[in-house]
PDB file of all heavy atoms in Angstrom:
ATOM      1  N   ASP A   1       0.823  -1.215  -0.005  1.00  0.00           N
ATOM      2  CA  ASP A   1      -0.025   0.002   0.010  1.00  0.00           C
ATOM      3  C   ASP A   1       0.829   1.291  -0.004  1.00  0.00           C
ATOM      4  O   ASP A   1       0.574   2.216  -0.733  1.00  0.00           O
ATOM      5  CB  ASP A   1      -0.954   0.024   1.207  1.00  0.00           C
ATOM      6  CG  ASP A   1      -2.051  -1.022   1.132  1.00  0.00           C
ATOM      7  OD1 ASP A   1      -2.249  -1.589   0.057  1.00  0.00           O
ATOM      8  OD2 ASP A   1      -2.682  -1.256   2.148  1.00  0.00           O
ATOM      9  N   ALA A   2       1.911   1.250   0.818  1.00  0.00           N
ATOM     10  CA  ALA A   2       2.836   2.425   0.863  1.00  0.00           C
ATOM     11  C   ALA A   2       3.491   2.613  -0.487  1.00  0.00           C
ATOM     12  O   ALA A   2       3.597   3.758  -1.015  1.00  0.00           O
ATOM     13  CB  ALA A   2       3.824   2.258   1.998  1.00  0.00           C
ATOM     14  N   SER A   3       3.955   1.548  -1.052  1.00  0.00           N
ATOM     15  CA  SER A   3       4.626   1.618  -2.375  1.00  0.00           C
ATOM     16  C   SER A   3       3.679   2.149  -3.410  1.00  0.00           C
ATOM     17  O   SER A   3       4.009   3.081  -4.155  1.00  0.00           O
ATOM     18  CB  SER A   3       5.138   0.225  -2.785  1.00  0.00           C
ATOM     19  OG  SER A   3       5.775   0.304  -4.027  1.00  0.00           O
ATOM     20  N   ALA A   4       2.443   1.635  -3.442  1.00  0.00           N
ATOM     21  CA  ALA A   4       1.454   2.101  -4.432  1.00  0.00           C
ATOM     22  C   ALA A   4       1.151   3.611  -4.225  1.00  0.00           C
ATOM     23  O   ALA A   4       1.018   4.349  -5.223  1.00  0.00           O
ATOM     24  CB  ALA A   4       0.170   1.300  -4.338  1.00  0.00           C
ATOM     25  N   GLU A   5       1.082   4.048  -2.986  1.00  0.00           N
ATOM     26  CA  GLU A   5       0.818   5.490  -2.750  1.00  0.00           C
ATOM     27  C   GLU A   5       1.945   6.349  -3.251  1.00  0.00           C
ATOM     28  O   GLU A   5       1.695   7.373  -3.930  1.00  0.00           O
ATOM     29  CB  GLU A   5       0.663   5.740  -1.221  1.00  0.00           C
ATOM     30  CG  GLU A   5       0.407   7.182  -0.816  1.00  0.00           C
ATOM     31  CD  GLU A   5      -0.858   7.793  -1.448  1.00  0.00           C
ATOM     32  OE1 GLU A   5      -1.821   7.051  -1.719  1.00  0.00           O
ATOM     33  OE2 GLU A   5      -0.878   9.041  -1.634  1.00  0.00           O
ATOM     34  N   TYR A   6       3.216   6.034  -2.985  1.00  0.00           N
ATOM     35  CA  TYR A   6       4.301   6.835  -3.519  1.00  0.00           C
ATOM     36  C   TYR A   6       4.434   6.703  -5.000  1.00  0.00           C
ATOM     37  O   TYR A   6       4.732   7.720  -5.670  1.00  0.00           O
ATOM     38  CB  TYR A   6       5.631   6.530  -2.793  1.00  0.00           C
ATOM     39  CG  TYR A   6       5.643   7.102  -1.388  1.00  0.00           C
ATOM     40  CD1 TYR A   6       5.625   6.297  -0.281  1.00  0.00           C
ATOM     41  CD2 TYR A   6       5.692   8.495  -1.192  1.00  0.00           C
ATOM     42  CE1 TYR A   6       5.610   6.860   0.992  1.00  0.00           C
ATOM     43  CE2 TYR A   6       5.692   9.043   0.028  1.00  0.00           C
ATOM     44  CZ  TYR A   6       5.656   8.218   1.133  1.00  0.00           C
ATOM     45  OH  TYR A   6       5.655   8.788   2.378  1.00  0.00           O
ATOM     46  N   GLU A   7       4.163   5.582  -5.566  1.00  0.00           N
ATOM     47  CA  GLU A   7       4.218   5.442  -7.020  1.00  0.00           C
ATOM     48  C   GLU A   7       3.180   6.341  -7.643  1.00  0.00           C
ATOM     49  O   GLU A   7       3.438   6.995  -8.664  1.00  0.00           O
ATOM     50  CB  GLU A   7       3.971   4.005  -7.453  1.00  0.00           C
ATOM     51  CG  GLU A   7       5.167   3.060  -7.094  1.00  0.00           C
ATOM     52  CD  GLU A   7       4.828   1.625  -7.472  1.00  0.00           C
ATOM     53  OE1 GLU A   7       4.724   1.350  -8.660  1.00  0.00           O
ATOM     54  OE2 GLU A   7       4.719   0.841  -6.490  1.00  0.00           O
ATOM     55  N   LYS A   8       1.963   6.427  -7.037  1.00  0.00           N
ATOM     56  CA  LYS A   8       0.920   7.290  -7.586  1.00  0.00           C
ATOM     57  C   LYS A   8       1.338   8.742  -7.455  1.00  0.00           C
ATOM     58  O   LYS A   8       1.214   9.484  -8.425  1.00  0.00           O
ATOM     59  CB  LYS A   8      -0.391   7.061  -6.725  1.00  0.00           C
ATOM     60  CG  LYS A   8      -1.588   7.864  -7.239  1.00  0.00           C
ATOM     61  CD  LYS A   8      -2.802   7.580  -6.433  1.00  0.00           C
ATOM     62  CE  LYS A   8      -2.792   8.383  -5.190  1.00  0.00           C
ATOM     63  NZ  LYS A   8      -3.929   8.366  -4.335  1.00  0.00           N
ATOM     64  N   ARG A   9       1.876   9.163  -6.337  1.00  0.00           N
ATOM     65  CA  ARG A   9       2.343  10.562  -6.161  1.00  0.00           C
ATOM     66  C   ARG A   9       3.480  10.887  -7.137  1.00  0.00           C
ATOM     67  O   ARG A   9       3.511  11.988  -7.676  1.00  0.00           O
ATOM     68  CB  ARG A   9       2.824  10.751  -4.731  1.00  0.00           C
ATOM     69  CG  ARG A   9       1.759  10.753  -3.658  1.00  0.00           C
ATOM     70  CD  ARG A   9       2.408  10.953  -2.330  1.00  0.00           C
ATOM     71  NE  ARG A   9       1.452  10.806  -1.245  1.00  0.00           N
ATOM     72  CZ  ARG A   9       1.672  11.161   0.006  1.00  0.00           C
ATOM     73  NH1 ARG A   9       2.835  11.708   0.364  1.00  0.00           N
ATOM     74  NH2 ARG A   9       0.752  11.019   0.909  1.00  0.00           N
ATOM     75  N   LEU A  10       4.329   9.935  -7.386  1.00  0.00           N
ATOM     76  CA  LEU A  10       5.471  10.203  -8.241  1.00  0.00           C
ATOM     77  C   LEU A  10       5.108  10.212  -9.689  1.00  0.00           C
ATOM     78  O   LEU A  10       5.869  10.777 -10.501  1.00  0.00           O
ATOM     79  CB  LEU A  10       6.627   9.150  -7.973  1.00  0.00           C
ATOM     80  CG  LEU A  10       7.432   9.411  -6.714  1.00  0.00           C
ATOM     81  CD1 LEU A  10       8.176   8.124  -6.344  1.00  0.00           C
ATOM     82  CD2 LEU A  10       8.415  10.553  -7.010  1.00  0.00           C
ATOM     83  N   SER A  11       3.974   9.659 -10.079  1.00  0.00           N
ATOM     84  CA  SER A  11       3.626   9.583 -11.478  1.00  0.00           C
ATOM     85  C   SER A  11       3.528  10.950 -12.094  1.00  0.00           C
ATOM     86  O   SER A  11       3.655  11.047 -13.345  1.00  0.00           O
ATOM     87  CB  SER A  11       2.297   8.811 -11.636  1.00  0.00           C
ATOM     88  OG  SER A  11       1.227   9.522 -11.081  1.00  0.00           O
ATOM     89  N   ALA A  12       3.284  12.003 -11.402  1.00  0.00           N
ATOM     90  CA  ALA A  12       3.190  13.363 -11.958  1.00  0.00           C
ATOM     91  C   ALA A  12       4.589  13.972 -12.067  1.00  0.00           C
ATOM     92  O   ALA A  12       4.732  14.976 -12.753  1.00  0.00           O
ATOM     93  CB  ALA A  12       2.372  14.245 -11.046  1.00  0.00           C
ATOM     94  N   MET A  13       5.609  13.347 -11.455  1.00  0.00           N
ATOM     95  CA  MET A  13       6.917  13.967 -11.414  1.00  0.00           C
ATOM     96  C   MET A  13       7.965  13.211 -12.213  1.00  0.00           C
ATOM     97  O   MET A  13       8.986  13.804 -12.616  1.00  0.00           O
ATOM     98  CB  MET A  13       7.390  14.044  -9.939  1.00  0.00           C
ATOM     99  CG  MET A  13       6.486  14.841  -9.059  1.00  0.00           C
ATOM    100  SD  MET A  13       6.974  14.619  -7.362  1.00  0.00           S
ATOM    101  CE  MET A  13       5.768  15.660  -6.557  1.00  0.00           C
ATOM    102  N   CYS A  14       7.806  11.925 -12.417  1.00  0.00           N
ATOM    103  CA  CYS A  14       8.761  11.082 -13.102  1.00  0.00           C
ATOM    104  C   CYS A  14       8.071   9.846 -13.615  1.00  0.00           C
ATOM    105  O   CYS A  14       6.914   9.546 -13.253  1.00  0.00           O
ATOM    106  CB  CYS A  14       9.932  10.725 -12.223  1.00  0.00           C
ATOM    107  SG  CYS A  14       9.511   9.631 -10.819  1.00  0.00           S
ATOM    108  N   LYS A  15       8.741   9.142 -14.426  1.00  0.00           N
ATOM    109  CA  LYS A  15       8.275   7.825 -14.874  1.00  0.00           C
ATOM    110  C   LYS A  15       8.910   6.788 -13.981  1.00  0.00           C
ATOM    111  O   LYS A  15      10.114   6.599 -14.014  1.00  0.00           O
ATOM    112  CB  LYS A  15       8.599   7.579 -16.344  1.00  0.00           C
ATOM    113  CG  LYS A  15       8.012   6.292 -16.887  1.00  0.00           C
ATOM    114  CD  LYS A  15       8.278   6.128 -18.355  1.00  0.00           C
ATOM    115  CE  LYS A  15       7.628   4.863 -18.795  1.00  0.00           C
ATOM    116  NZ  LYS A  15       8.549   3.973 -19.469  1.00  0.00           N
ATOM    117  N   MET A  16       8.109   6.173 -13.125  1.00  0.00           N
ATOM    118  CA  MET A  16       8.617   5.235 -12.115  1.00  0.00           C
ATOM    119  C   MET A  16       8.380   3.800 -12.585  1.00  0.00           C
ATOM    120  O   MET A  16       7.318   3.473 -13.046  1.00  0.00           O
ATOM    121  CB  MET A  16       7.852   5.488 -10.771  1.00  0.00           C
ATOM    122  CG  MET A  16       8.181   4.493  -9.672  1.00  0.00           C
ATOM    123  SD  MET A  16       9.913   4.445  -9.152  1.00  0.00           S
ATOM    124  CE  MET A  16      10.127   6.088  -8.484  1.00  0.00           C
ATOM    125  N   ASN A  17       9.436   3.015 -12.437  1.00  0.00           N
ATOM    126  CA  ASN A  17       9.332   1.593 -12.808  1.00  0.00           C
ATOM    127  C   ASN A  17       9.992   0.776 -11.707  1.00  0.00           C
ATOM    128  O   ASN A  17      11.191   1.033 -11.385  1.00  0.00           O
ATOM    129  CB  ASN A  17       9.999   1.330 -14.170  1.00  0.00           C
ATOM    130  CG  ASN A  17       9.822  -0.086 -14.622  1.00  0.00           C
ATOM    131  OD1 ASN A  17       8.900  -0.796 -14.300  1.00  0.00           O
ATOM    132  ND2 ASN A  17      10.775  -0.571 -15.418  1.00  0.00           N
ATOM    133  N   ILE A  18       9.252  -0.144 -11.121  1.00  0.00           N
ATOM    134  CA  ILE A  18       9.795  -1.054 -10.051  1.00  0.00           C
ATOM    135  C   ILE A  18       9.905  -2.425 -10.628  1.00  0.00           C
ATOM    136  O   ILE A  18       8.921  -2.995 -11.096  1.00  0.00           O
ATOM    137  CB  ILE A  18       9.002  -0.983  -8.743  1.00  0.00           C
ATOM    138  CG1 ILE A  18       9.036   0.462  -8.202  1.00  0.00           C
ATOM    139  CG2 ILE A  18       9.545  -1.987  -7.763  1.00  0.00           C
ATOM    140  CD1 ILE A  18       8.177   0.610  -6.933  1.00  0.00           C
ATOM    141  N   ILE A  19      11.126  -2.978 -10.597  1.00  0.00           N
ATOM    142  CA  ILE A  19      11.365  -4.326 -11.139  1.00  0.00           C
ATOM    143  C   ILE A  19      11.815  -5.188  -9.942  1.00  0.00           C
ATOM    144  O   ILE A  19      12.816  -4.841  -9.286  1.00  0.00           O
ATOM    145  CB  ILE A  19      12.444  -4.307 -12.183  1.00  0.00           C
ATOM    146  CG1 ILE A  19      12.056  -3.426 -13.379  1.00  0.00           C
ATOM    147  CG2 ILE A  19      12.724  -5.753 -12.669  1.00  0.00           C
ATOM    148  CD1 ILE A  19      13.150  -3.179 -14.359  1.00  0.00           C
ATOM    149  N   GLU A  20      11.073  -6.232  -9.682  1.00  0.00           N
ATOM    150  CA  GLU A  20      11.453  -7.172  -8.664  1.00  0.00           C
ATOM    151  C   GLU A  20      12.122  -8.378  -9.270  1.00  0.00           C
ATOM    152  O   GLU A  20      11.625  -8.929 -10.210  1.00  0.00           O
ATOM    153  CB  GLU A  20      10.174  -7.611  -7.871  1.00  0.00           C
ATOM    154  CG  GLU A  20       9.499  -6.481  -7.119  1.00  0.00           C
ATOM    155  CD  GLU A  20       8.219  -6.875  -6.444  1.00  0.00           C
ATOM    156  OE1 GLU A  20       7.618  -7.882  -6.878  1.00  0.00           O
ATOM    157  OE2 GLU A  20       7.813  -6.159  -5.524  1.00  0.00           O
ATOM    158  N   VAL A  21      13.283  -8.734  -8.716  1.00  0.00           N
ATOM    159  CA  VAL A  21      13.989  -9.937  -9.194  1.00  0.00           C
ATOM    160  C   VAL A  21      13.913 -10.979  -8.110  1.00  0.00           C
ATOM    161  O   VAL A  21      13.727 -10.687  -6.894  1.00  0.00           O
ATOM    162  CB  VAL A  21      15.461  -9.640  -9.563  1.00  0.00           C
ATOM    163  CG1 VAL A  21      15.523  -8.642 -10.672  1.00  0.00           C
ATOM    164  CG2 VAL A  21      16.267  -9.207  -8.374  1.00  0.00           C
ATOM    165  N   LYS A  22      13.937 -12.248  -8.527  1.00  0.00           N
ATOM    166  CA  LYS A  22      13.813 -13.356  -7.610  1.00  0.00           C
ATOM    167  C   LYS A  22      14.808 -13.359  -6.530  1.00  0.00           C
ATOM    168  O   LYS A  22      15.969 -13.193  -6.750  1.00  0.00           O
ATOM    169  CB  LYS A  22      13.867 -14.643  -8.432  1.00  0.00           C
ATOM    170  CG  LYS A  22      13.628 -15.904  -7.640  1.00  0.00           C
ATOM    171  CD  LYS A  22      13.649 -17.125  -8.550  1.00  0.00           C
ATOM    172  CE  LYS A  22      13.789 -18.367  -7.764  1.00  0.00           C
ATOM    173  NZ  LYS A  22      15.176 -18.914  -7.694  1.00  0.00           N
ATOM    174  N   GLU A  23      14.325 -13.611  -5.311  1.00  0.00           N
ATOM    175  CA  GLU A  23      15.199 -13.736  -4.133  1.00  0.00           C
ATOM    176  C   GLU A  23      15.662 -15.169  -4.104  1.00  0.00           C
ATOM    177  O   GLU A  23      14.886 -16.104  -4.245  1.00  0.00           O
ATOM    178  CB  GLU A  23      14.423 -13.377  -2.896  1.00  0.00           C
ATOM    179  CG  GLU A  23      15.193 -13.342  -1.613  1.00  0.00           C
ATOM    180  CD  GLU A  23      14.377 -12.789  -0.464  1.00  0.00           C
ATOM    181  OE1 GLU A  23      13.141 -12.650  -0.566  1.00  0.00           O
ATOM    182  OE2 GLU A  23      14.967 -12.496   0.590  1.00  0.00           O
ATOM    183  N   GLU A  24      16.954 -15.355  -3.948  1.00  0.00           N
ATOM    184  CA  GLU A  24      17.518 -16.693  -3.896  1.00  0.00           C
ATOM    185  C   GLU A  24      17.180 -17.359  -2.618  1.00  0.00           C
ATOM    186  O   GLU A  24      17.250 -16.719  -1.531  1.00  0.00           O
ATOM    187  CB  GLU A  24      19.086 -16.576  -4.032  1.00  0.00           C
ATOM    188  CG  GLU A  24      19.786 -17.838  -4.370  1.00  0.00           C
ATOM    189  CD  GLU A  24      19.432 -18.389  -5.781  1.00  0.00           C
ATOM    190  OE1 GLU A  24      18.986 -17.650  -6.658  1.00  0.00           O
ATOM    191  OE2 GLU A  24      19.665 -19.616  -5.955  1.00  0.00           O
ATOM    192  N   ARG A  25      16.809 -18.649  -2.649  1.00  0.00           N
ATOM    193  CA  ARG A  25      16.484 -19.373  -1.401  1.00  0.00           C
ATOM    194  C   ARG A  25      17.773 -19.579  -0.627  1.00  0.00           C
ATOM    195  O   ARG A  25      18.839 -19.752  -1.153  1.00  0.00           O
ATOM    196  CB  ARG A  25      15.836 -20.709  -1.763  1.00  0.00           C
ATOM    197  CG  ARG A  25      14.524 -20.524  -2.438  1.00  0.00           C
ATOM    198  CD  ARG A  25      13.796 -21.865  -2.570  1.00  0.00           C
ATOM    199  NE  ARG A  25      12.418 -21.637  -2.139  1.00  0.00           N
ATOM    200  CZ  ARG A  25      11.896 -21.960  -1.013  1.00  0.00           C
ATOM    201  NH1 ARG A  25      12.601 -22.523  -0.113  1.00  0.00           N
ATOM    202  NH2 ARG A  25      10.648 -21.659  -0.661  1.00  0.00           N
ATOM    203  N   SER A  26      17.605 -19.593   0.715  1.00  0.00           N
ATOM    204  CA  SER A  26      18.731 -19.708   1.599  1.00  0.00           C
ATOM    205  C   SER A  26      18.493 -20.791   2.677  1.00  0.00           C
ATOM    206  O   SER A  26      17.344 -20.826   3.241  1.00  0.00           O
ATOM    207  CB  SER A  26      19.009 -18.370   2.289  1.00  0.00           C
ATOM    208  OG  SER A  26      19.920 -18.513   3.319  1.00  0.00           O
ATOM    209  N   PRO A  27      19.449 -21.600   2.982  1.00  0.00           N
ATOM    210  CA  PRO A  27      19.241 -22.551   4.086  1.00  0.00           C
ATOM    211  C   PRO A  27      19.175 -21.785   5.409  1.00  0.00           C
ATOM    212  O   PRO A  27      19.525 -20.627   5.494  1.00  0.00           O
ATOM    213  CB  PRO A  27      20.494 -23.460   4.023  1.00  0.00           C
ATOM    214  CG  PRO A  27      21.480 -22.726   3.215  1.00  0.00           C
ATOM    215  CD  PRO A  27      20.756 -21.800   2.331  1.00  0.00           C
ATOM    216  N   ASP A  28      18.699 -22.471   6.489  1.00  0.00           N
ATOM    217  CA  ASP A  28      18.549 -21.802   7.761  1.00  0.00           C
ATOM    218  C   ASP A  28      19.825 -21.185   8.304  1.00  0.00           C
ATOM    219  O   ASP A  28      19.850 -20.103   8.812  1.00  0.00           O
ATOM    220  CB  ASP A  28      17.987 -22.783   8.781  1.00  0.00           C
ATOM    221  CG  ASP A  28      16.488 -23.043   8.554  1.00  0.00           C
ATOM    222  OD1 ASP A  28      15.858 -22.225   7.838  1.00  0.00           O
ATOM    223  OD2 ASP A  28      15.975 -24.028   9.066  1.00  0.00           O
TER     224      ASP A  28
END
């Protein structure tokens, strides 16, 4: 929700693109 709110606010100021890459699995 916080990310979506800032992305919405920033849309008037810049072109925002968030790319998520896969997190590698880790043993305990």
